[in-house]
Amino acid sequence: MTEPLSKLILSQQKHLGDILHQQESLKSIIKKQKNLLIQTNAKQLETKLSTNLKRAVELAKEKGSSTWLTVLPLEEHDFFLSKSEFHDALCLRFGWRPFSLADQCP
């Protein structure tokens, strides 16, 4: 990727010509290969997950599933969570048992 640029620098040429296009093509190829590797690794990991964890991963991958983490905490719109509510929400999201959960309903 840098070899053509190095040659241009050594030859003191100012015109880049097709080198920019070649670099963009190489970047695109590298990005596609990286995405394919990530997808392959993700599929291999999915086969090793428990049923509950698979479901949690599927839900987390859905579009908009994490937007509640980036919303401004405005009380006037009921977007405010107390510390314990936020902790409980995280526990539910990750399939953990909330710490402050009672054993029986009152």
N, C-alpha and C. Protein backbone atom coordinates (compact mmCIF):
# COMPACT_ATOMS: atom_id res chain seq x y z
N MET A 1 0.82 -1.19 0.00
CA MET A 1 0.00 0.00 0.00
C MET A 1 0.87 1.26 0.00
N THR A 2 1.98 1.24 0.70
CA THR A 2 2.84 2.43 0.77
C THR A 2 3.96 2.39 -0.27
N GLU A 3 4.18 1.25 -0.88
CA GLU A 3 5.27 1.15 -1.86
C GLU A 3 5.12 2.12 -3.02
N PRO A 4 3.94 2.24 -3.63
CA PRO A 4 3.81 3.21 -4.74
C PRO A 4 4.06 4.65 -4.29
N LEU A 5 3.63 5.00 -3.09
CA LEU A 5 3.88 6.35 -2.58
C LEU A 5 5.37 6.57 -2.32
N SER A 6 6.02 5.56 -1.80
CA SER A 6 7.46 5.67 -1.56
C SER A 6 8.21 5.90 -2.86
N LYS A 7 7.80 5.19 -3.91
CA LYS A 7 8.44 5.37 -5.23
C LYS A 7 8.22 6.79 -5.75
N LEU A 8 7.01 7.32 -5.56
CA LEU A 8 6.74 8.69 -5.99
C LEU A 8 7.60 9.70 -5.23
N ILE A 9 7.75 9.48 -3.94
CA ILE A 9 8.56 10.39 -3.13
C ILE A 9 10.01 10.35 -3.59
N LEU A 10 10.52 9.14 -3.83
CA LEU A 10 11.92 9.00 -4.26
C LEU A 10 12.15 9.61 -5.63
N SER A 11 11.16 9.50 -6.51
CA SER A 11 11.32 10.06 -7.87
C SER A 11 10.94 11.53 -7.92
N GLN A 12 10.44 12.08 -6.78
CA GLN A 12 10.07 13.49 -6.66
C GLN A 12 8.96 13.90 -7.62
N GLN A 13 8.04 12.98 -7.90
CA GLN A 13 6.91 13.30 -8.76
C GLN A 13 5.81 13.93 -7.91
N LYS A 14 5.14 14.92 -8.49
CA LYS A 14 4.06 15.60 -7.77
C LYS A 14 2.69 15.04 -8.12
N HIS A 15 2.58 14.41 -9.26
CA HIS A 15 1.28 13.89 -9.71
C HIS A 15 1.06 12.48 -9.14
N LEU A 16 -0.02 12.29 -8.42
CA LEU A 16 -0.30 11.00 -7.80
C LEU A 16 -0.90 10.00 -8.77
N GLY A 17 -1.55 10.48 -9.78
CA GLY A 17 -2.11 9.59 -10.79
C GLY A 17 -3.10 8.60 -10.22
N ASP A 18 -2.93 7.35 -10.57
CA ASP A 18 -3.86 6.30 -10.16
C ASP A 18 -3.57 5.74 -8.77
N ILE A 19 -2.54 6.25 -8.13
CA ILE A 19 -2.16 5.70 -6.83
C ILE A 19 -3.27 5.88 -5.80
N LEU A 20 -3.93 7.03 -5.81
CA LEU A 20 -5.02 7.24 -4.85
C LEU A 20 -6.15 6.25 -5.07
N HIS A 21 -6.46 6.00 -6.34
CA HIS A 21 -7.51 5.02 -6.66
C HIS A 21 -7.08 3.62 -6.22
N GLN A 22 -5.82 3.28 -6.44
CA GLN A 22 -5.31 1.97 -6.02
C GLN A 22 -5.39 1.82 -4.50
N GLN A 23 -5.04 2.88 -3.80
CA GLN A 23 -5.08 2.83 -2.34
C GLN A 23 -6.51 2.64 -1.84
N GLU A 24 -7.46 3.35 -2.43
CA GLU A 24 -8.85 3.21 -2.03
C GLU A 24 -9.34 1.79 -2.30
N SER A 25 -8.93 1.22 -3.42
CA SER A 25 -9.30 -0.17 -3.73
C SER A 25 -8.72 -1.13 -2.71
N LEU A 26 -7.46 -0.93 -2.36
CA LEU A 26 -6.83 -1.79 -1.36
C LEU A 26 -7.50 -1.64 0.00
N LYS A 27 -7.83 -0.41 0.38
CA LYS A 27 -8.52 -0.19 1.65
C LYS A 27 -9.85 -0.92 1.67
N SER A 28 -10.56 -0.85 0.55
CA SER A 28 -11.86 -1.51 0.46
C SER A 28 -11.72 -3.03 0.58
N ILE A 29 -10.73 -3.58 -0.09
CA ILE A 29 -10.49 -5.03 -0.03
C ILE A 29 -10.13 -5.45 1.40
N ILE A 30 -9.25 -4.69 2.04
CA ILE A 30 -8.83 -5.00 3.41
C ILE A 30 -10.02 -4.92 4.36
N LYS A 31 -10.86 -3.90 4.18
CA LYS A 31 -12.04 -3.75 5.04
C LYS A 31 -13.00 -4.93 4.87
N LYS A 32 -13.22 -5.36 3.63
CA LYS A 32 -14.10 -6.50 3.37
C LYS A 32 -13.55 -7.78 3.99
N GLN A 33 -12.23 -7.98 3.87
CA GLN A 33 -11.60 -9.16 4.46
C GLN A 33 -11.72 -9.15 5.98
N LYS A 34 -11.54 -7.97 6.58
CA LYS A 34 -11.64 -7.84 8.03
C LYS A 34 -13.07 -8.13 8.50
N ASN A 35 -14.06 -7.57 7.78
CA ASN A 35 -15.46 -7.82 8.14
C ASN A 35 -15.82 -9.30 8.00
N LEU A 36 -15.31 -9.94 6.96
CA LEU A 36 -15.57 -11.37 6.78
C LEU A 36 -14.96 -12.19 7.91
N LEU A 37 -13.76 -11.83 8.33
CA LEU A 37 -13.10 -12.52 9.45
C LEU A 37 -13.89 -12.34 10.73
N ILE A 38 -14.36 -11.12 10.98
CA ILE A 38 -15.15 -10.84 12.19
C ILE A 38 -16.44 -11.65 12.17
N GLN A 39 -17.12 -11.69 11.02
CA GLN A 39 -18.37 -12.45 10.91
C GLN A 39 -18.12 -13.95 11.12
N THR A 40 -17.04 -14.45 10.56
CA THR A 40 -16.70 -15.87 10.73
C THR A 40 -16.42 -16.19 12.19
N ASN A 41 -15.65 -15.34 12.85
CA ASN A 41 -15.35 -15.55 14.28
C ASN A 41 -16.62 -15.47 15.12
N ALA A 42 -17.50 -14.53 14.79
CA ALA A 42 -18.75 -14.38 15.54
C ALA A 42 -19.62 -15.63 15.38
N LYS A 43 -19.70 -16.17 14.18
CA LYS A 43 -20.50 -17.39 13.96
C LYS A 43 -19.92 -18.58 14.72
N GLN A 44 -18.60 -18.67 14.76
CA GLN A 44 -17.97 -19.76 15.50
C GLN A 44 -18.25 -19.63 17.00
N LEU A 45 -18.20 -18.40 17.51
CA LEU A 45 -18.49 -18.19 18.93
C LEU A 45 -19.94 -18.48 19.25
N GLU A 46 -20.85 -18.11 18.34
CA GLU A 46 -22.28 -18.34 18.57
C GLU A 46 -22.59 -19.82 18.76
N THR A 47 -21.87 -20.69 18.09
CA THR A 47 -22.13 -22.12 18.23
C THR A 47 -21.77 -22.63 19.62
N LYS A 48 -20.90 -21.91 20.32
CA LYS A 48 -20.45 -22.33 21.64
C LYS A 48 -21.27 -21.72 22.78
N LEU A 49 -22.19 -20.80 22.46
CA LEU A 49 -22.96 -20.11 23.49
C LEU A 49 -24.14 -20.95 23.96
N SER A 50 -24.53 -20.71 25.20
CA SER A 50 -25.73 -21.34 25.73
C SER A 50 -26.95 -20.70 25.06
N THR A 51 -28.10 -21.34 25.19
CA THR A 51 -29.32 -20.84 24.57
C THR A 51 -29.68 -19.45 25.09
N ASN A 52 -29.59 -19.27 26.41
CA ASN A 52 -29.91 -17.96 27.00
C ASN A 52 -28.96 -16.88 26.52
N LEU A 53 -27.67 -17.20 26.46
CA LEU A 53 -26.69 -16.22 26.02
C LEU A 53 -26.86 -15.90 24.53
N LYS A 54 -27.21 -16.92 23.73
CA LYS A 54 -27.47 -16.67 22.31
C LYS A 54 -28.61 -15.68 22.15
N ARG A 55 -29.66 -15.87 22.93
CA ARG A 55 -30.82 -14.97 22.85
C ARG A 55 -30.42 -13.55 23.27
N ALA A 56 -29.61 -13.43 24.31
CA ALA A 56 -29.16 -12.12 24.77
C ALA A 56 -28.32 -11.43 23.69
N VAL A 57 -27.47 -12.19 23.03
CA VAL A 57 -26.63 -11.63 21.96
C VAL A 57 -27.50 -11.18 20.79
N GLU A 58 -28.49 -11.99 20.43
CA GLU A 58 -29.39 -11.62 19.33
C GLU A 58 -30.13 -10.32 19.66
N LEU A 59 -30.61 -10.20 20.88
CA LEU A 59 -31.32 -8.98 21.28
C LEU A 59 -30.39 -7.77 21.28
N ALA A 60 -29.15 -7.97 21.72
CA ALA A 60 -28.20 -6.87 21.77
C ALA A 60 -27.80 -6.41 20.37
N LYS A 61 -27.86 -7.29 19.39
CA LYS A 61 -27.50 -6.93 18.02
C LYS A 61 -28.60 -6.19 17.27
N GLU A 62 -29.81 -6.22 17.81
CA GLU A 62 -30.92 -5.55 17.12
C GLU A 62 -30.70 -4.04 17.08
N LYS A 63 -31.18 -3.44 16.01
CA LYS A 63 -31.03 -2.00 15.83
C LYS A 63 -31.76 -1.25 16.95
N GLY A 64 -31.07 -0.31 17.55
CA GLY A 64 -31.66 0.51 18.60
C GLY A 64 -31.67 -0.12 19.97
N SER A 65 -31.05 -1.29 20.11
CA SER A 65 -31.12 -1.98 21.40
C SER A 65 -30.33 -1.28 22.51
N SER A 66 -29.39 -0.45 22.15
CA SER A 66 -28.60 0.22 23.18
C SER A 66 -28.88 1.72 23.27
N THR A 67 -29.91 2.18 22.61
CA THR A 67 -30.18 3.62 22.62
C THR A 67 -30.54 4.14 24.01
N TRP A 68 -31.09 3.29 24.85
CA TRP A 68 -31.47 3.73 26.19
C TRP A 68 -30.23 4.13 27.01
N LEU A 69 -29.06 3.66 26.59
CA LEU A 69 -27.83 4.02 27.29
C LEU A 69 -27.32 5.40 26.91
N THR A 70 -27.76 5.93 25.76
CA THR A 70 -27.25 7.21 25.28
C THR A 70 -28.26 8.35 25.38
N VAL A 71 -29.45 8.07 25.89
CA VAL A 71 -30.48 9.10 26.03
C VAL A 71 -30.12 10.05 27.16
N LEU A 72 -30.38 11.33 26.95
CA LEU A 72 -30.15 12.31 28.02
C LEU A 72 -31.11 12.04 29.17
N PRO A 73 -30.62 12.04 30.40
CA PRO A 73 -31.46 11.73 31.55
C PRO A 73 -32.37 12.90 31.94
N LEU A 74 -33.44 13.11 31.19
CA LEU A 74 -34.36 14.21 31.45
C LEU A 74 -35.54 13.71 32.26
N GLU A 75 -35.69 14.24 33.48
CA GLU A 75 -36.78 13.82 34.35
C GLU A 75 -38.14 14.22 33.78
N GLU A 76 -38.21 15.36 33.09
CA GLU A 76 -39.49 15.84 32.57
C GLU A 76 -40.08 14.90 31.52
N HIS A 77 -39.24 14.09 30.89
CA HIS A 77 -39.71 13.11 29.90
C HIS A 77 -39.63 11.68 30.43
N ASP A 78 -39.40 11.54 31.71
CA ASP A 78 -39.26 10.23 32.36
C ASP A 78 -38.10 9.40 31.78
N PHE A 79 -37.03 10.08 31.39
CA PHE A 79 -35.85 9.38 30.88
C PHE A 79 -34.80 9.22 31.97
N PHE A 80 -35.16 9.53 33.19
CA PHE A 80 -34.22 9.50 34.31
C PHE A 80 -34.32 8.16 35.03
N LEU A 81 -33.18 7.52 35.26
CA LEU A 81 -33.13 6.29 36.05
C LEU A 81 -32.28 6.54 37.28
N SER A 82 -32.78 6.10 38.42
CA SER A 82 -31.95 6.19 39.62
C SER A 82 -30.82 5.18 39.50
N LYS A 83 -29.87 5.27 40.41
CA LYS A 83 -28.73 4.36 40.38
C LYS A 83 -29.18 2.90 40.46
N SER A 84 -30.13 2.62 41.35
CA SER A 84 -30.59 1.23 41.50
C SER A 84 -31.40 0.78 40.27
N GLU A 85 -32.19 1.69 39.67
CA GLU A 85 -32.95 1.34 38.47
C GLU A 85 -32.01 1.05 37.30
N PHE A 86 -30.96 1.88 37.18
CA PHE A 86 -29.97 1.67 36.12
C PHE A 86 -29.26 0.33 36.32
N HIS A 87 -28.88 0.05 37.55
CA HIS A 87 -28.22 -1.22 37.86
C HIS A 87 -29.13 -2.40 37.54
N ASP A 88 -30.40 -2.29 37.93
CA ASP A 88 -31.36 -3.36 37.64
C ASP A 88 -31.54 -3.54 36.13
N ALA A 89 -31.57 -2.43 35.40
CA ALA A 89 -31.73 -2.51 33.93
C ALA A 89 -30.54 -3.23 33.30
N LEU A 90 -29.34 -2.92 33.78
CA LEU A 90 -28.15 -3.61 33.27
C LEU A 90 -28.21 -5.11 33.59
N CYS A 91 -28.61 -5.43 34.81
CA CYS A 91 -28.73 -6.85 35.19
C CYS A 91 -29.72 -7.58 34.27
N LEU A 92 -30.85 -6.97 34.02
CA LEU A 92 -31.85 -7.60 33.15
C LEU A 92 -31.33 -7.73 31.73
N ARG A 93 -30.61 -6.72 31.27
CA ARG A 93 -30.07 -6.75 29.90
C ARG A 93 -29.07 -7.90 29.73
N PHE A 94 -28.25 -8.13 30.75
CA PHE A 94 -27.24 -9.17 30.65
C PHE A 94 -27.69 -10.52 31.21
N GLY A 95 -28.95 -10.60 31.61
CA GLY A 95 -29.47 -11.87 32.10
C GLY A 95 -29.03 -12.22 33.50
N TRP A 96 -28.61 -11.22 34.27
CA TRP A 96 -28.20 -11.44 35.65
C TRP A 96 -29.37 -11.20 36.57
N ARG A 97 -29.31 -11.76 37.76
CA ARG A 97 -30.35 -11.54 38.76
C ARG A 97 -30.03 -10.24 39.49
N PRO A 98 -30.96 -9.27 39.49
CA PRO A 98 -30.71 -8.02 40.22
C PRO A 98 -30.46 -8.31 41.69
N PHE A 99 -29.51 -7.60 42.29
CA PHE A 99 -29.11 -7.83 43.68
C PHE A 99 -30.22 -7.48 44.66
N SER A 100 -30.99 -6.45 44.35
CA SER A 100 -32.00 -5.97 45.30
C SER A 100 -33.35 -6.66 45.10
N LEU A 101 -33.38 -7.73 44.38
CA LEU A 101 -34.64 -8.43 44.10
C LEU A 101 -35.07 -9.24 45.32
N ALA A 102 -36.31 -9.07 45.72
CA ALA A 102 -36.85 -9.81 46.88
C ALA A 102 -37.10 -11.27 46.48
N ASP A 103 -37.00 -12.16 47.45
CA ASP A 103 -37.27 -13.56 47.18
C ASP A 103 -38.75 -13.83 46.93
N GLN A 104 -39.60 -13.05 47.60
CA GLN A 104 -41.05 -13.20 47.44
C GLN A 104 -41.66 -11.81 47.28
N CYS A 105 -42.77 -11.77 46.54
CA CYS A 105 -43.51 -10.51 46.41
C CYS A 105 -44.23 -10.23 47.74
N PRO A 106 -44.28 -8.94 48.15
CA PRO A 106 -44.94 -8.63 49.42
C PRO A 106 -46.45 -8.81 49.36
